[in-house]
Amino acid sequence: MKLRISGKHMDIGDAFRTRINDRVGEAIGKYFDRGFSGHVTVIKSGSRFSADCMIRLDSGAS
């Protein structure tokens, strides 16, 4: 499992990075047995936050 986590217009701390990694791992592990890779970008826009997530499964699906 390789997951790249980055922030746009904000810094991502270690605790937040760990939480994102754990939660994505739990969600993917719930439905798929194989590994995965991908990236998550957390975006701050004014007082709002959003996340862009792209996951590629080792089976080839995305």
PDB file of N, CA and C in Angstrom:
ATOM      1  N   MET A   1       0.840  -1.160   0.000  1.00  0.00           N
ATOM      2  CA  MET A   1       0.000   0.000   0.000  1.00  0.00           C
ATOM      3  C   MET A   1       0.892   1.231   0.000  1.00  0.00           C
ATOM      4  N   LYS A   2       0.829   1.984  -1.069  1.00  0.00           N
ATOM      5  CA  LYS A   2       1.552   3.248  -1.161  1.00  0.00           C
ATOM      6  C   LYS A   2       0.530   4.347  -1.401  1.00  0.00           C
ATOM      7  N   LEU A   3       0.466   5.273  -0.474  1.00  0.00           N
ATOM      8  CA  LEU A   3      -0.489   6.360  -0.571  1.00  0.00           C
ATOM      9  C   LEU A   3       0.253   7.671  -0.363  1.00  0.00           C
ATOM     10  N   ARG A   4       0.173   8.547  -1.358  1.00  0.00           N
ATOM     11  CA  ARG A   4       0.813   9.861  -1.271  1.00  0.00           C
ATOM     12  C   ARG A   4      -0.246  10.857  -0.815  1.00  0.00           C
ATOM     13  N   ILE A   5       0.050  11.577   0.250  1.00  0.00           N
ATOM     14  CA  ILE A   5      -0.894  12.530   0.819  1.00  0.00           C
ATOM     15  C   ILE A   5      -0.261  13.913   0.773  1.00  0.00           C
ATOM     16  N   SER A   6      -0.973  14.869   0.182  1.00  0.00           N
ATOM     17  CA  SER A   6      -0.430  16.224   0.079  1.00  0.00           C
ATOM     18  C   SER A   6      -1.536  17.238   0.356  1.00  0.00           C
ATOM     19  N   GLY A   7      -1.126  18.468   0.599  1.00  0.00           N
ATOM     20  CA  GLY A   7      -2.069  19.543   0.858  1.00  0.00           C
ATOM     21  C   GLY A   7      -1.874  20.676  -0.133  1.00  0.00           C
ATOM     22  N   LYS A   8      -2.971  21.303  -0.506  1.00  0.00           N
ATOM     23  CA  LYS A   8      -2.929  22.459  -1.397  1.00  0.00           C
ATOM     24  C   LYS A   8      -3.423  23.654  -0.591  1.00  0.00           C
ATOM     25  N   HIS A   9      -2.580  24.657  -0.448  1.00  0.00           N
ATOM     26  CA  HIS A   9      -2.853  25.847   0.360  1.00  0.00           C
ATOM     27  C   HIS A   9      -2.906  25.525   1.850  1.00  0.00           C
ATOM     28  N   MET A  10      -2.269  24.422   2.274  1.00  0.00           N
ATOM     29  CA  MET A  10      -2.218  24.055   3.688  1.00  0.00           C
ATOM     30  C   MET A  10      -1.125  23.022   3.912  1.00  0.00           C
ATOM     31  N   ASP A  11      -0.673  22.914   5.151  1.00  0.00           N
ATOM     32  CA  ASP A  11       0.300  21.899   5.523  1.00  0.00           C
ATOM     33  C   ASP A  11      -0.434  20.717   6.141  1.00  0.00           C
ATOM     34  N   ILE A  12       0.002  19.516   5.790  1.00  0.00           N
ATOM     35  CA  ILE A  12      -0.570  18.295   6.343  1.00  0.00           C
ATOM     36  C   ILE A  12       0.381  17.794   7.427  1.00  0.00           C
ATOM     37  N   GLY A  13      -0.077  17.755   8.659  1.00  0.00           N
ATOM     38  CA  GLY A  13       0.747  17.284   9.769  1.00  0.00           C
ATOM     39  C   GLY A  13       0.805  15.765   9.812  1.00  0.00           C
ATOM     40  N   ASP A  14       1.699  15.256  10.642  1.00  0.00           N
ATOM     41  CA  ASP A  14       1.871  13.804  10.752  1.00  0.00           C
ATOM     42  C   ASP A  14       0.614  13.108  11.259  1.00  0.00           C
ATOM     43  N   ALA A  15      -0.066  13.682  12.243  1.00  0.00           N
ATOM     44  CA  ALA A  15      -1.270  13.061  12.800  1.00  0.00           C
ATOM     45  C   ALA A  15      -2.384  12.993  11.747  1.00  0.00           C
ATOM     46  N   PHE A  16      -2.565  14.068  10.981  1.00  0.00           N
ATOM     47  CA  PHE A  16      -3.598  14.092   9.939  1.00  0.00           C
ATOM     48  C   PHE A  16      -3.245  13.116   8.823  1.00  0.00           C
ATOM     49  N   ARG A  17      -1.973  13.063   8.462  1.00  0.00           N
ATOM     50  CA  ARG A  17      -1.500  12.142   7.430  1.00  0.00           C
ATOM     51  C   ARG A  17      -1.750  10.685   7.856  1.00  0.00           C
ATOM     52  N   THR A  18      -1.470  10.370   9.118  1.00  0.00           N
ATOM     53  CA  THR A  18      -1.700   9.021   9.636  1.00  0.00           C
ATOM     54  C   THR A  18      -3.185   8.686   9.632  1.00  0.00           C
ATOM     55  N   ARG A  19      -4.014   9.638  10.026  1.00  0.00           N
ATOM     56  CA  ARG A  19      -5.466   9.405  10.048  1.00  0.00           C
ATOM     57  C   ARG A  19      -6.006   9.138   8.644  1.00  0.00           C
ATOM     58  N   ILE A  20      -5.576   9.915   7.676  1.00  0.00           N
ATOM     59  CA  ILE A  20      -6.016   9.707   6.291  1.00  0.00           C
ATOM     60  C   ILE A  20      -5.569   8.335   5.804  1.00  0.00           C
ATOM     61  N   ASN A  21      -4.319   7.995   6.049  1.00  0.00           N
ATOM     62  CA  ASN A  21      -3.775   6.714   5.612  1.00  0.00           C
ATOM     63  C   ASN A  21      -4.555   5.550   6.234  1.00  0.00           C
ATOM     64  N   ASP A  22      -4.839   5.627   7.532  1.00  0.00           N
ATOM     65  CA  ASP A  22      -5.582   4.566   8.217  1.00  0.00           C
ATOM     66  C   ASP A  22      -7.005   4.444   7.694  1.00  0.00           C
ATOM     67  N   ARG A  23      -7.682   5.567   7.524  1.00  0.00           N
ATOM     68  CA  ARG A  23      -9.084   5.529   7.092  1.00  0.00           C
ATOM     69  C   ARG A  23      -9.231   5.029   5.660  1.00  0.00           C
ATOM     70  N   VAL A  24      -8.341   5.452   4.767  1.00  0.00           N
ATOM     71  CA  VAL A  24      -8.394   4.962   3.383  1.00  0.00           C
ATOM     72  C   VAL A  24      -8.085   3.467   3.363  1.00  0.00           C
ATOM     73  N   GLY A  25      -7.090   3.038   4.143  1.00  0.00           N
ATOM     74  CA  GLY A  25      -6.755   1.617   4.220  1.00  0.00           C
ATOM     75  C   GLY A  25      -7.920   0.774   4.710  1.00  0.00           C
ATOM     76  N   GLU A  26      -8.646   1.258   5.718  1.00  0.00           N
ATOM     77  CA  GLU A  26      -9.820   0.549   6.226  1.00  0.00           C
ATOM     78  C   GLU A  26     -10.913   0.454   5.167  1.00  0.00           C
ATOM     79  N   ALA A  27     -11.179   1.556   4.484  1.00  0.00           N
ATOM     80  CA  ALA A  27     -12.241   1.585   3.476  1.00  0.00           C
ATOM     81  C   ALA A  27     -11.925   0.655   2.306  1.00  0.00           C
ATOM     82  N   ILE A  28     -10.691   0.682   1.819  1.00  0.00           N
ATOM     83  CA  ILE A  28     -10.310  -0.184   0.698  1.00  0.00           C
ATOM     84  C   ILE A  28     -10.287  -1.641   1.148  1.00  0.00           C
ATOM     85  N   GLY A  29      -9.742  -1.904   2.340  1.00  0.00           N
ATOM     86  CA  GLY A  29      -9.662  -3.266   2.857  1.00  0.00           C
ATOM     87  C   GLY A  29     -11.018  -3.903   3.094  1.00  0.00           C
ATOM     88  N   LYS A  30     -12.036  -3.084   3.288  1.00  0.00           N
ATOM     89  CA  LYS A  30     -13.388  -3.591   3.513  1.00  0.00           C
ATOM     90  C   LYS A  30     -13.947  -4.270   2.259  1.00  0.00           C
ATOM     91  N   TYR A  31     -13.543  -3.814   1.083  1.00  0.00           N
ATOM     92  CA  TYR A  31     -14.115  -4.313  -0.158  1.00  0.00           C
ATOM     93  C   TYR A  31     -13.131  -5.072  -1.044  1.00  0.00           C
ATOM     94  N   PHE A  32     -11.832  -4.868  -0.864  1.00  0.00           N
ATOM     95  CA  PHE A  32     -10.832  -5.473  -1.742  1.00  0.00           C
ATOM     96  C   PHE A  32      -9.733  -6.126  -0.912  1.00  0.00           C
ATOM     97  N   ASP A  33      -9.273  -7.293  -1.359  1.00  0.00           N
ATOM     98  CA  ASP A  33      -8.251  -8.040  -0.626  1.00  0.00           C
ATOM     99  C   ASP A  33      -6.836  -7.649  -1.021  1.00  0.00           C
ATOM    100  N   ARG A  34      -6.650  -7.212  -2.235  1.00  0.00           N
ATOM    101  CA  ARG A  34      -5.305  -6.906  -2.728  1.00  0.00           C
ATOM    102  C   ARG A  34      -4.862  -5.513  -2.305  1.00  0.00           C
ATOM    103  N   GLY A  35      -3.616  -5.193  -2.611  1.00  0.00           N
ATOM    104  CA  GLY A  35      -3.058  -3.891  -2.268  1.00  0.00           C
ATOM    105  C   GLY A  35      -3.563  -2.794  -3.183  1.00  0.00           C
ATOM    106  N   PHE A  36      -3.114  -1.587  -2.886  1.00  0.00           N
ATOM    107  CA  PHE A  36      -3.512  -0.429  -3.675  1.00  0.00           C
ATOM    108  C   PHE A  36      -2.435   0.636  -3.578  1.00  0.00           C
ATOM    109  N   SER A  37      -2.533   1.614  -4.459  1.00  0.00           N
ATOM    110  CA  SER A  37      -1.674   2.792  -4.415  1.00  0.00           C
ATOM    111  C   SER A  37      -2.520   3.978  -4.865  1.00  0.00           C
ATOM    112  N   GLY A  38      -2.025   5.163  -4.626  1.00  0.00           N
ATOM    113  CA  GLY A  38      -2.782   6.326  -5.053  1.00  0.00           C
ATOM    114  C   GLY A  38      -2.340   7.586  -4.350  1.00  0.00           C
ATOM    115  N   HIS A  39      -3.163   8.612  -4.488  1.00  0.00           N
ATOM    116  CA  HIS A  39      -2.844   9.876  -3.828  1.00  0.00           C
ATOM    117  C   HIS A  39      -4.116  10.556  -3.326  1.00  0.00           C
ATOM    118  N   VAL A  40      -3.935  11.311  -2.260  1.00  0.00           N
ATOM    119  CA  VAL A  40      -5.008  12.109  -1.674  1.00  0.00           C
ATOM    120  C   VAL A  40      -4.484  13.532  -1.563  1.00  0.00           C
ATOM    121  N   THR A  41      -5.238  14.492  -2.082  1.00  0.00           N
ATOM    122  CA  THR A  41      -4.887  15.899  -1.964  1.00  0.00           C
ATOM    123  C   THR A  41      -5.983  16.594  -1.172  1.00  0.00           C
ATOM    124  N   VAL A  42      -5.611  17.194  -0.050  1.00  0.00           N
ATOM    125  CA  VAL A  42      -6.550  17.956   0.769  1.00  0.00           C
ATOM    126  C   VAL A  42      -6.407  19.420   0.363  1.00  0.00           C
ATOM    127  N   ILE A  43      -7.530  20.055   0.017  1.00  0.00           N
ATOM    128  CA  ILE A  43      -7.520  21.403  -0.540  1.00  0.00           C
ATOM    129  C   ILE A  43      -8.263  22.352   0.399  1.00  0.00           C
ATOM    130  N   LYS A  44      -7.621  23.461   0.733  1.00  0.00           N
ATOM    131  CA  LYS A  44      -8.266  24.502   1.542  1.00  0.00           C
ATOM    132  C   LYS A  44      -8.629  25.654   0.619  1.00  0.00           C
ATOM    133  N   SER A  45      -9.898  26.025   0.643  1.00  0.00           N
ATOM    134  CA  SER A  45     -10.386  27.125  -0.182  1.00  0.00           C
ATOM    135  C   SER A  45     -11.181  28.064   0.722  1.00  0.00           C
ATOM    136  N   GLY A  46     -10.542  29.125   1.173  1.00  0.00           N
ATOM    137  CA  GLY A  46     -11.181  30.024   2.132  1.00  0.00           C
ATOM    138  C   GLY A  46     -11.347  29.311   3.459  1.00  0.00           C
ATOM    139  N   SER A  47     -12.593  29.179   3.912  1.00  0.00           N
ATOM    140  CA  SER A  47     -12.857  28.460   5.158  1.00  0.00           C
ATOM    141  C   SER A  47     -13.346  27.036   4.905  1.00  0.00           C
ATOM    142  N   ARG A  48     -13.344  26.605   3.632  1.00  0.00           N
ATOM    143  CA  ARG A  48     -13.830  25.274   3.266  1.00  0.00           C
ATOM    144  C   ARG A  48     -12.672  24.341   2.963  1.00  0.00           C
ATOM    145  N   PHE A  49     -12.892  23.061   3.194  1.00  0.00           N
ATOM    146  CA  PHE A  49     -11.915  22.029   2.894  1.00  0.00           C
ATOM    147  C   PHE A  49     -12.563  20.981   2.006  1.00  0.00           C
ATOM    148  N   SER A  50     -11.781  20.422   1.087  1.00  0.00           N
ATOM    149  CA  SER A  50     -12.241  19.306   0.266  1.00  0.00           C
ATOM    150  C   SER A  50     -11.061  18.372   0.040  1.00  0.00           C
ATOM    151  N   ALA A  51     -11.352  17.180  -0.445  1.00  0.00           N
ATOM    152  CA  ALA A  51     -10.295  16.200  -0.696  1.00  0.00           C
ATOM    153  C   ALA A  51     -10.495  15.590  -2.071  1.00  0.00           C
ATOM    154  N   ASP A  52      -9.404  15.433  -2.780  1.00  0.00           N
ATOM    155  CA  ASP A  52      -9.389  14.775  -4.081  1.00  0.00           C
ATOM    156  C   ASP A  52      -8.618  13.476  -3.897  1.00  0.00           C
ATOM    157  N   CYS A  53      -9.232  12.361  -4.250  1.00  0.00           N
ATOM    158  CA  CYS A  53      -8.640  11.052  -3.971  1.00  0.00           C
ATOM    159  C   CYS A  53      -8.654  10.203  -5.242  1.00  0.00           C
ATOM    160  N   MET A  54      -7.503   9.638  -5.596  1.00  0.00           N
ATOM    161  CA  MET A  54      -7.391   8.730  -6.741  1.00  0.00           C
ATOM    162  C   MET A  54      -6.700   7.465  -6.255  1.00  0.00           C
ATOM    163  N   ILE A  55      -7.385   6.344  -6.333  1.00  0.00           N
ATOM    164  CA  ILE A  55      -6.864   5.066  -5.852  1.00  0.00           C
ATOM    165  C   ILE A  55      -6.778   4.099  -7.022  1.00  0.00           C
ATOM    166  N   ARG A  56      -5.647   3.431  -7.138  1.00  0.00           N
ATOM    167  CA  ARG A  56      -5.469   2.384  -8.143  1.00  0.00           C
ATOM    168  C   ARG A  56      -5.278   1.063  -7.415  1.00  0.00           C
ATOM    169  N   LEU A  57      -6.110   0.095  -7.747  1.00  0.00           N
ATOM    170  CA  LEU A  57      -6.008  -1.221  -7.131  1.00  0.00           C
ATOM    171  C   LEU A  57      -4.946  -2.037  -7.847  1.00  0.00           C
ATOM    172  N   ASP A  58      -4.285  -2.939  -7.122  1.00  0.00           N
ATOM    173  CA  ASP A  58      -3.276  -3.795  -7.739  1.00  0.00           C
ATOM    174  C   ASP A  58      -3.878  -4.717  -8.796  1.00  0.00           C
ATOM    175  N   SER A  59      -5.194  -4.913  -8.767  1.00  0.00           N
ATOM    176  CA  SER A  59      -5.860  -5.727  -9.777  1.00  0.00           C
ATOM    177  C   SER A  59      -5.954  -5.001 -11.112  1.00  0.00           C
ATOM    178  N   GLY A  60      -5.668  -3.690 -11.121  1.00  0.00           N
ATOM    179  CA  GLY A  60      -5.682  -2.912 -12.358  1.00  0.00           C
ATOM    180  C   GLY A  60      -6.845  -1.951 -12.452  1.00  0.00           C
ATOM    181  N   ALA A  61      -7.841  -2.086 -11.591  1.00  0.00           N
ATOM    182  CA  ALA A  61      -8.987  -1.180 -11.610  1.00  0.00           C
ATOM    183  C   ALA A  61      -8.604   0.140 -10.956  1.00  0.00           C
ATOM    184  N   SER A  62      -9.330   1.204 -11.311  1.00  0.00           N
ATOM    185  CA  SER A  62      -9.099   2.501 -10.655  1.00  0.00           C
ATOM    186  C   SER A  62     -10.414   3.208 -10.431  1.00  0.00           C
TER     187      SER A  62
END
